Amino acid sequence: MSRVFVAFGSNLENPAGQVGAAIETLAALPGLTLTKASSLYRTAPVGYLDQPDFVNAVAEFDSALSADALLDALQAVEERFGRVRTFRNAPRVLDLDLLWYEGVTRDDARLTLPHPRMHERAFVMVPLAEIAPELELGAHGKAAALAGSLAGQGIVKLD
């Protein structure tokens, strides 16, 4: 089993409900065991700004799946939830990103691990730091320190 972290985001069709249901759906997949899930957070969109705010979370799983099999599973869940890819940073029912996969460093046409921009994004780092503050992200440092440095990005914890 490998420790993995997945980011969840939604800004359409009851985003908090979408994220919660997606976490439950992944937890029920063969080969994945949910170990921790962050709180939900509201964040402003990045890139394309003319859209509703997002609800984001991060969850930790123990995975018996390879990185490629996990990516396939994440994309299948997005599709099942109605994800339509129209343009970069478009509004979406569900967005799942494989952030970190224990022991895997990779950069190819299909997958980059760790996720190449996660250390720049409060909507990833704040929920990640909530559940894994000591997670070391290579040269970027620990999750908690990175989250603290991104506090000005306008992320709000939901009750």
N, C-alpha and C. Protein backbone atom coordinates (compact mmCIF):
# COMPACT_ATOMS: atom_id res chain seq x y z
N MET A 1 0.84 -1.19 0.00
CA MET A 1 0.00 0.00 0.00
C MET A 1 0.88 1.25 0.00
N SER A 2 0.45 2.22 -0.74
CA SER A 2 1.16 3.50 -0.82
C SER A 2 0.25 4.61 -0.32
N ARG A 3 0.85 5.58 0.33
CA ARG A 3 0.14 6.75 0.81
C ARG A 3 -0.02 7.71 -0.37
N VAL A 4 -1.26 8.19 -0.60
CA VAL A 4 -1.53 9.12 -1.69
C VAL A 4 -2.44 10.24 -1.21
N PHE A 5 -2.35 11.38 -1.89
CA PHE A 5 -3.21 12.52 -1.59
C PHE A 5 -3.91 12.95 -2.87
N VAL A 6 -5.22 13.19 -2.74
CA VAL A 6 -6.05 13.59 -3.87
C VAL A 6 -6.75 14.89 -3.50
N ALA A 7 -6.77 15.85 -4.45
CA ALA A 7 -7.48 17.11 -4.27
C ALA A 7 -8.85 17.00 -4.94
N PHE A 8 -9.85 17.61 -4.31
CA PHE A 8 -11.22 17.61 -4.78
C PHE A 8 -11.67 19.06 -4.96
N GLY A 9 -12.36 19.34 -6.05
CA GLY A 9 -12.90 20.67 -6.27
C GLY A 9 -14.19 20.62 -7.05
N SER A 10 -15.09 21.56 -6.78
CA SER A 10 -16.35 21.66 -7.50
C SER A 10 -16.88 23.08 -7.35
N ASN A 11 -17.52 23.57 -8.43
CA ASN A 11 -18.21 24.86 -8.29
C ASN A 11 -19.56 24.87 -9.01
N LEU A 12 -20.09 23.68 -9.31
CA LEU A 12 -21.40 23.56 -9.95
C LEU A 12 -22.24 22.50 -9.25
N GLU A 13 -23.56 22.69 -9.28
CA GLU A 13 -24.50 21.67 -8.83
C GLU A 13 -24.24 21.19 -7.40
N ASN A 14 -24.36 22.09 -6.44
CA ASN A 14 -24.14 21.78 -5.02
C ASN A 14 -22.69 21.33 -4.77
N PRO A 15 -21.74 22.25 -4.90
CA PRO A 15 -20.32 21.89 -4.80
C PRO A 15 -19.95 21.13 -3.53
N ALA A 16 -20.45 21.53 -2.38
CA ALA A 16 -20.10 20.81 -1.14
C ALA A 16 -20.61 19.38 -1.20
N GLY A 17 -21.80 19.19 -1.73
CA GLY A 17 -22.34 17.84 -1.89
C GLY A 17 -21.54 17.02 -2.88
N GLN A 18 -21.11 17.65 -3.96
CA GLN A 18 -20.30 16.95 -4.96
C GLN A 18 -18.99 16.47 -4.35
N VAL A 19 -18.31 17.35 -3.62
CA VAL A 19 -17.02 16.98 -3.02
C VAL A 19 -17.21 15.86 -1.99
N GLY A 20 -18.21 16.00 -1.13
CA GLY A 20 -18.46 14.95 -0.14
C GLY A 20 -18.77 13.61 -0.78
N ALA A 21 -19.61 13.62 -1.81
CA ALA A 21 -19.96 12.38 -2.50
C ALA A 21 -18.76 11.78 -3.22
N ALA A 22 -17.91 12.64 -3.77
CA ALA A 22 -16.72 12.14 -4.46
C ALA A 22 -15.75 11.48 -3.49
N ILE A 23 -15.58 12.05 -2.31
CA ILE A 23 -14.72 11.43 -1.30
C ILE A 23 -15.26 10.05 -0.93
N GLU A 24 -16.58 9.97 -0.72
CA GLU A 24 -17.20 8.68 -0.39
C GLU A 24 -17.06 7.68 -1.55
N THR A 25 -17.19 8.15 -2.77
CA THR A 25 -17.07 7.28 -3.94
C THR A 25 -15.66 6.71 -4.04
N LEU A 26 -14.65 7.55 -3.86
CA LEU A 26 -13.27 7.05 -3.91
C LEU A 26 -13.00 6.08 -2.76
N ALA A 27 -13.51 6.40 -1.58
CA ALA A 27 -13.29 5.53 -0.42
C ALA A 27 -13.88 4.13 -0.64
N ALA A 28 -14.88 4.01 -1.51
CA ALA A 28 -15.52 2.73 -1.76
C ALA A 28 -14.86 1.94 -2.90
N LEU A 29 -13.90 2.54 -3.58
CA LEU A 29 -13.25 1.84 -4.69
C LEU A 29 -12.33 0.74 -4.20
N PRO A 30 -12.32 -0.40 -4.87
CA PRO A 30 -11.36 -1.46 -4.51
C PRO A 30 -9.93 -0.95 -4.67
N GLY A 31 -9.11 -1.23 -3.68
CA GLY A 31 -7.71 -0.81 -3.74
C GLY A 31 -7.44 0.52 -3.10
N LEU A 32 -8.48 1.23 -2.62
CA LEU A 32 -8.30 2.51 -1.94
C LEU A 32 -8.94 2.45 -0.56
N THR A 33 -8.23 2.96 0.43
CA THR A 33 -8.76 3.06 1.78
C THR A 33 -8.57 4.50 2.25
N LEU A 34 -9.66 5.17 2.56
CA LEU A 34 -9.61 6.54 3.06
C LEU A 34 -8.99 6.54 4.45
N THR A 35 -7.97 7.37 4.65
CA THR A 35 -7.37 7.48 5.98
C THR A 35 -7.69 8.82 6.64
N LYS A 36 -7.79 9.89 5.84
CA LYS A 36 -8.13 11.22 6.39
C LYS A 36 -8.74 12.06 5.28
N ALA A 37 -9.64 12.94 5.67
CA ALA A 37 -10.19 13.92 4.75
C ALA A 37 -10.20 15.28 5.45
N SER A 38 -9.85 16.31 4.71
CA SER A 38 -9.82 17.66 5.27
C SER A 38 -11.24 18.20 5.41
N SER A 39 -11.31 19.34 6.03
CA SER A 39 -12.54 20.13 6.02
C SER A 39 -12.77 20.62 4.60
N LEU A 40 -13.94 21.18 4.37
CA LEU A 40 -14.24 21.83 3.10
C LEU A 40 -13.85 23.29 3.18
N TYR A 41 -13.39 23.82 2.05
CA TYR A 41 -12.95 25.22 1.97
C TYR A 41 -13.57 25.88 0.76
N ARG A 42 -13.95 27.14 0.90
CA ARG A 42 -14.43 27.93 -0.22
C ARG A 42 -13.27 28.76 -0.75
N THR A 43 -13.10 28.76 -2.07
CA THR A 43 -12.01 29.51 -2.69
C THR A 43 -12.49 30.19 -3.97
N ALA A 44 -11.87 31.30 -4.27
CA ALA A 44 -12.17 32.00 -5.52
C ALA A 44 -11.56 31.22 -6.69
N PRO A 45 -12.17 31.33 -7.87
CA PRO A 45 -11.62 30.63 -9.03
C PRO A 45 -10.24 31.19 -9.41
N VAL A 46 -9.47 30.35 -10.08
CA VAL A 46 -8.14 30.71 -10.57
C VAL A 46 -8.17 30.63 -12.09
N GLY A 47 -7.52 31.55 -12.75
CA GLY A 47 -7.47 31.52 -14.21
C GLY A 47 -8.68 32.21 -14.80
N TYR A 48 -9.72 31.46 -15.08
CA TYR A 48 -10.97 32.01 -15.60
C TYR A 48 -11.81 32.46 -14.41
N LEU A 49 -12.02 33.77 -14.28
CA LEU A 49 -12.62 34.32 -13.06
C LEU A 49 -14.14 34.47 -13.10
N ASP A 50 -14.76 34.44 -14.28
CA ASP A 50 -16.20 34.66 -14.40
C ASP A 50 -16.96 33.36 -14.16
N GLN A 51 -16.91 32.90 -12.91
CA GLN A 51 -17.57 31.65 -12.52
C GLN A 51 -17.74 31.65 -11.00
N PRO A 52 -18.58 30.76 -10.48
CA PRO A 52 -18.79 30.71 -9.03
C PRO A 52 -17.53 30.26 -8.28
N ASP A 53 -17.51 30.58 -6.98
CA ASP A 53 -16.43 30.10 -6.11
C ASP A 53 -16.45 28.57 -6.07
N PHE A 54 -15.32 28.01 -5.69
CA PHE A 54 -15.15 26.57 -5.59
C PHE A 54 -15.27 26.11 -4.15
N VAL A 55 -15.62 24.86 -3.98
CA VAL A 55 -15.46 24.15 -2.71
C VAL A 55 -14.35 23.14 -2.95
N ASN A 56 -13.35 23.15 -2.06
CA ASN A 56 -12.18 22.29 -2.20
C ASN A 56 -11.94 21.49 -0.94
N ALA A 57 -11.27 20.36 -1.10
CA ALA A 57 -10.83 19.52 0.01
C ALA A 57 -9.67 18.67 -0.49
N VAL A 58 -8.98 18.04 0.45
CA VAL A 58 -7.93 17.07 0.13
C VAL A 58 -8.17 15.85 1.01
N ALA A 59 -7.95 14.68 0.44
CA ALA A 59 -8.07 13.44 1.22
C ALA A 59 -6.83 12.59 1.04
N GLU A 60 -6.52 11.86 2.10
CA GLU A 60 -5.39 10.92 2.09
C GLU A 60 -5.97 9.51 2.01
N PHE A 61 -5.35 8.69 1.17
CA PHE A 61 -5.76 7.30 1.01
C PHE A 61 -4.54 6.40 1.10
N ASP A 62 -4.75 5.17 1.49
CA ASP A 62 -3.79 4.10 1.26
C ASP A 62 -4.23 3.44 -0.03
N SER A 63 -3.29 3.29 -0.95
CA SER A 63 -3.64 2.79 -2.28
C SER A 63 -2.86 1.54 -2.65
N ALA A 64 -3.58 0.55 -3.13
CA ALA A 64 -2.96 -0.64 -3.71
C ALA A 64 -2.87 -0.48 -5.23
N LEU A 65 -3.40 0.63 -5.75
CA LEU A 65 -3.39 0.91 -7.17
C LEU A 65 -2.09 1.58 -7.57
N SER A 66 -1.62 1.32 -8.77
CA SER A 66 -0.48 2.04 -9.31
C SER A 66 -0.92 3.49 -9.56
N ALA A 67 0.04 4.37 -9.78
CA ALA A 67 -0.29 5.77 -10.07
C ALA A 67 -1.17 5.87 -11.32
N ASP A 68 -0.86 5.09 -12.35
CA ASP A 68 -1.66 5.14 -13.58
C ASP A 68 -3.07 4.60 -13.34
N ALA A 69 -3.20 3.51 -12.61
CA ALA A 69 -4.52 2.95 -12.31
C ALA A 69 -5.33 3.92 -11.46
N LEU A 70 -4.69 4.60 -10.53
CA LEU A 70 -5.39 5.58 -9.70
C LEU A 70 -5.84 6.76 -10.55
N LEU A 71 -4.99 7.24 -11.44
CA LEU A 71 -5.38 8.33 -12.34
C LEU A 71 -6.58 7.90 -13.18
N ASP A 72 -6.56 6.70 -13.72
CA ASP A 72 -7.70 6.19 -14.48
C ASP A 72 -8.97 6.20 -13.63
N ALA A 73 -8.86 5.75 -12.39
CA ALA A 73 -10.01 5.72 -11.48
C ALA A 73 -10.53 7.13 -11.21
N LEU A 74 -9.63 8.09 -10.99
CA LEU A 74 -10.04 9.48 -10.74
C LEU A 74 -10.79 10.04 -11.94
N GLN A 75 -10.27 9.80 -13.12
CA GLN A 75 -10.92 10.31 -14.33
C GLN A 75 -12.28 9.65 -14.55
N ALA A 76 -12.40 8.37 -14.23
CA ALA A 76 -13.68 7.67 -14.36
C ALA A 76 -14.71 8.24 -13.38
N VAL A 77 -14.28 8.57 -12.16
CA VAL A 77 -15.19 9.17 -11.18
C VAL A 77 -15.62 10.55 -11.66
N GLU A 78 -14.70 11.36 -12.16
CA GLU A 78 -15.07 12.67 -12.70
C GLU A 78 -16.14 12.52 -13.78
N GLU A 79 -15.93 11.58 -14.67
CA GLU A 79 -16.88 11.34 -15.76
C GLU A 79 -18.25 10.91 -15.22
N ARG A 80 -18.24 10.01 -14.23
CA ARG A 80 -19.48 9.53 -13.62
C ARG A 80 -20.25 10.68 -12.98
N PHE A 81 -19.54 11.67 -12.45
CA PHE A 81 -20.18 12.81 -11.81
C PHE A 81 -20.61 13.88 -12.82
N GLY A 82 -20.30 13.66 -14.11
CA GLY A 82 -20.75 14.59 -15.14
C GLY A 82 -19.72 15.63 -15.55
N ARG A 83 -18.46 15.40 -15.27
CA ARG A 83 -17.42 16.34 -15.66
C ARG A 83 -17.37 16.45 -17.17
N VAL A 84 -17.41 17.70 -17.66
CA VAL A 84 -17.26 17.99 -19.08
C VAL A 84 -16.08 18.94 -19.21
N ARG A 85 -15.12 18.58 -20.04
CA ARG A 85 -13.93 19.41 -20.22
C ARG A 85 -14.15 20.33 -21.41
N THR A 86 -14.44 21.61 -21.13
CA THR A 86 -14.71 22.56 -22.20
C THR A 86 -13.50 23.43 -22.51
N PHE A 87 -12.92 24.06 -21.49
CA PHE A 87 -11.72 24.86 -21.67
C PHE A 87 -10.98 24.91 -20.34
N ARG A 88 -9.72 25.29 -20.39
CA ARG A 88 -8.88 25.32 -19.20
C ARG A 88 -9.49 26.22 -18.12
N ASN A 89 -9.55 25.72 -16.90
CA ASN A 89 -10.07 26.45 -15.73
C ASN A 89 -11.56 26.75 -15.82
N ALA A 90 -12.28 25.98 -16.62
CA ALA A 90 -13.73 26.18 -16.76
C ALA A 90 -14.45 25.74 -15.49
N PRO A 91 -15.69 26.23 -15.31
CA PRO A 91 -16.51 25.71 -14.20
C PRO A 91 -16.66 24.20 -14.34
N ARG A 92 -16.79 23.49 -13.20
CA ARG A 92 -16.90 22.04 -13.28
C ARG A 92 -17.64 21.46 -12.08
N VAL A 93 -18.32 20.36 -12.39
CA VAL A 93 -19.05 19.62 -11.36
C VAL A 93 -18.06 18.97 -10.41
N LEU A 94 -16.96 18.43 -10.97
CA LEU A 94 -15.98 17.76 -10.13
C LEU A 94 -14.62 17.79 -10.80
N ASP A 95 -13.62 18.11 -10.01
CA ASP A 95 -12.23 18.08 -10.45
C ASP A 95 -11.44 17.29 -9.42
N LEU A 96 -10.77 16.25 -9.86
CA LEU A 96 -9.94 15.42 -8.98
C LEU A 96 -8.51 15.48 -9.48
N ASP A 97 -7.59 15.77 -8.59
CA ASP A 97 -6.17 15.83 -8.96
C ASP A 97 -5.37 14.92 -8.03
N LEU A 98 -4.57 14.07 -8.63
CA LEU A 98 -3.61 13.26 -7.87
C LEU A 98 -2.45 14.17 -7.54
N LEU A 99 -2.30 14.49 -6.27
CA LEU A 99 -1.30 15.46 -5.83
C LEU A 99 0.06 14.82 -5.55
N TRP A 100 0.03 13.70 -4.86
CA TRP A 100 1.26 13.12 -4.33
C TRP A 100 1.04 11.63 -4.19
N TYR A 101 2.02 10.86 -4.61
CA TYR A 101 1.96 9.41 -4.52
C TYR A 101 3.28 8.96 -3.91
N GLU A 102 3.20 8.35 -2.75
CA GLU A 102 4.39 7.96 -1.98
C GLU A 102 5.39 7.20 -2.86
N GLY A 103 6.63 7.71 -2.87
CA GLY A 103 7.71 7.04 -3.57
C GLY A 103 7.74 7.23 -5.07
N VAL A 104 6.83 8.05 -5.61
CA VAL A 104 6.79 8.23 -7.07
C VAL A 104 7.09 9.68 -7.43
N THR A 105 8.11 9.85 -8.23
CA THR A 105 8.42 11.14 -8.85
C THR A 105 8.38 10.89 -10.34
N ARG A 106 7.61 11.70 -11.04
CA ARG A 106 7.39 11.41 -12.46
C ARG A 106 6.99 12.68 -13.19
N ASP A 107 7.40 12.78 -14.44
CA ASP A 107 7.01 13.90 -15.28
C ASP A 107 6.97 13.42 -16.73
N ASP A 108 5.77 13.06 -17.18
CA ASP A 108 5.61 12.62 -18.56
C ASP A 108 4.32 13.22 -19.11
N ALA A 109 3.98 12.87 -20.32
CA ALA A 109 2.81 13.46 -20.99
C ALA A 109 1.51 13.17 -20.25
N ARG A 110 1.46 12.09 -19.51
CA ARG A 110 0.21 11.69 -18.84
C ARG A 110 0.09 12.20 -17.41
N LEU A 111 1.20 12.25 -16.69
CA LEU A 111 1.12 12.52 -15.25
C LEU A 111 2.42 13.12 -14.73
N THR A 112 2.28 14.13 -13.88
CA THR A 112 3.43 14.71 -13.19
C THR A 112 3.18 14.56 -11.70
N LEU A 113 4.12 13.94 -11.01
CA LEU A 113 4.06 13.73 -9.56
C LEU A 113 5.38 14.12 -8.93
N PRO A 114 5.32 14.83 -7.82
CA PRO A 114 4.14 15.47 -7.24
C PRO A 114 3.52 16.48 -8.22
N HIS A 115 2.28 16.84 -7.95
CA HIS A 115 1.57 17.81 -8.80
C HIS A 115 2.44 19.05 -8.93
N PRO A 116 2.66 19.54 -10.14
CA PRO A 116 3.65 20.60 -10.37
C PRO A 116 3.32 21.98 -9.80
N ARG A 117 2.06 22.29 -9.56
CA ARG A 117 1.71 23.63 -9.07
C ARG A 117 1.04 23.63 -7.71
N MET A 118 0.97 22.49 -7.05
CA MET A 118 0.22 22.44 -5.80
C MET A 118 0.82 23.34 -4.73
N HIS A 119 2.12 23.52 -4.72
CA HIS A 119 2.78 24.35 -3.70
C HIS A 119 2.46 25.83 -3.85
N GLU A 120 1.83 26.22 -4.98
CA GLU A 120 1.49 27.62 -5.25
C GLU A 120 0.02 27.93 -4.94
N ARG A 121 -0.75 26.93 -4.57
CA ARG A 121 -2.20 27.08 -4.51
C ARG A 121 -2.74 26.85 -3.11
N ALA A 122 -3.29 27.90 -2.53
CA ALA A 122 -3.87 27.78 -1.18
C ALA A 122 -5.00 26.75 -1.17
N PHE A 123 -5.78 26.65 -2.25
CA PHE A 123 -6.91 25.73 -2.26
C PHE A 123 -6.47 24.27 -2.20
N VAL A 124 -5.19 24.01 -2.43
CA VAL A 124 -4.62 22.68 -2.24
C VAL A 124 -3.85 22.61 -0.93
N MET A 125 -2.98 23.58 -0.70
CA MET A 125 -2.05 23.49 0.43
C MET A 125 -2.74 23.64 1.79
N VAL A 126 -3.75 24.47 1.90
CA VAL A 126 -4.41 24.65 3.21
C VAL A 126 -5.12 23.36 3.64
N PRO A 127 -5.95 22.75 2.78
CA PRO A 127 -6.54 21.48 3.22
C PRO A 127 -5.51 20.36 3.37
N LEU A 128 -4.47 20.35 2.55
CA LEU A 128 -3.42 19.34 2.69
C LEU A 128 -2.71 19.50 4.03
N ALA A 129 -2.39 20.74 4.38
CA ALA A 129 -1.70 20.99 5.65
C ALA A 129 -2.57 20.64 6.84
N GLU A 130 -3.89 20.73 6.69
CA GLU A 130 -4.79 20.36 7.78
C GLU A 130 -4.64 18.88 8.13
N ILE A 131 -4.47 18.02 7.12
CA ILE A 131 -4.42 16.58 7.38
C ILE A 131 -3.01 16.00 7.37
N ALA A 132 -2.04 16.74 6.80
CA ALA A 132 -0.66 16.23 6.73
C ALA A 132 0.34 17.38 6.82
N PRO A 133 0.36 18.09 7.96
CA PRO A 133 1.21 19.29 8.05
C PRO A 133 2.70 19.00 7.86
N GLU A 134 3.14 17.82 8.20
CA GLU A 134 4.57 17.49 8.11
C GLU A 134 4.96 16.89 6.76
N LEU A 135 4.01 16.75 5.84
CA LEU A 135 4.33 16.18 4.53
C LEU A 135 5.38 17.04 3.85
N GLU A 136 6.47 16.42 3.47
CA GLU A 136 7.59 17.09 2.82
C GLU A 136 7.39 17.07 1.32
N LEU A 137 7.39 18.26 0.72
CA LEU A 137 7.18 18.38 -0.72
C LEU A 137 8.49 18.78 -1.39
N GLY A 138 9.49 17.96 -1.19
CA GLY A 138 10.79 18.18 -1.82
C GLY A 138 11.39 19.52 -1.46
N ALA A 139 11.92 20.18 -2.46
CA ALA A 139 12.59 21.46 -2.27
C ALA A 139 11.64 22.57 -1.83
N HIS A 140 10.35 22.35 -1.98
CA HIS A 140 9.37 23.38 -1.60
C HIS A 140 9.15 23.45 -0.09
N GLY A 141 9.44 22.37 0.63
CA GLY A 141 9.28 22.37 2.07
C GLY A 141 8.06 21.60 2.53
N LYS A 142 7.70 21.82 3.78
CA LYS A 142 6.59 21.10 4.41
C LYS A 142 5.25 21.77 4.10
N ALA A 143 4.22 20.94 4.07
CA ALA A 143 2.88 21.42 3.73
C ALA A 143 2.44 22.57 4.62
N ALA A 144 2.67 22.48 5.92
CA ALA A 144 2.20 23.53 6.84
C ALA A 144 2.86 24.87 6.54
N ALA A 145 4.15 24.87 6.29
CA ALA A 145 4.86 26.13 5.98
C ALA A 145 4.37 26.71 4.66
N LEU A 146 4.17 25.85 3.68
CA LEU A 146 3.68 26.33 2.38
C LEU A 146 2.28 26.91 2.51
N ALA A 147 1.42 26.25 3.26
CA ALA A 147 0.05 26.75 3.46
C ALA A 147 0.08 28.12 4.12
N GLY A 148 0.94 28.27 5.11
CA GLY A 148 1.05 29.55 5.79
C GLY A 148 1.48 30.68 4.88
N SER A 149 2.32 30.36 3.92
CA SER A 149 2.81 31.39 2.99
C SER A 149 1.78 31.78 1.95
N LEU A 150 0.68 31.04 1.85
CA LEU A 150 -0.35 31.30 0.83
C LEU A 150 -1.62 31.87 1.44
N ALA A 151 -1.57 32.29 2.68
CA ALA A 151 -2.75 32.72 3.41
C ALA A 151 -3.49 33.88 2.72
N GLY A 152 -2.81 34.67 1.94
CA GLY A 152 -3.44 35.81 1.29
C GLY A 152 -4.25 35.48 0.06
N GLN A 153 -4.41 34.20 -0.26
CA GLN A 153 -5.14 33.82 -1.48
C GLN A 153 -6.65 33.70 -1.29
N GLY A 154 -7.15 34.07 -0.14
CA GLY A 154 -8.59 34.12 0.05
C GLY A 154 -9.28 32.78 0.14
N ILE A 155 -8.86 31.96 1.06
CA ILE A 155 -9.48 30.67 1.28
C ILE A 155 -10.22 30.72 2.62
N VAL A 156 -11.45 30.17 2.65
CA VAL A 156 -12.28 30.24 3.85
C VAL A 156 -12.75 28.83 4.20
N LYS A 157 -12.50 28.41 5.44
CA LYS A 157 -12.96 27.11 5.91
C LYS A 157 -14.47 27.17 6.11
N LEU A 158 -15.17 26.17 5.59
CA LEU A 158 -16.63 26.10 5.74
C LEU A 158 -16.97 25.36 7.02
N ASP A 159 -18.08 25.72 7.64
CA ASP A 159 -18.53 25.03 8.86
C ASP A 159 -19.23 23.75 8.54
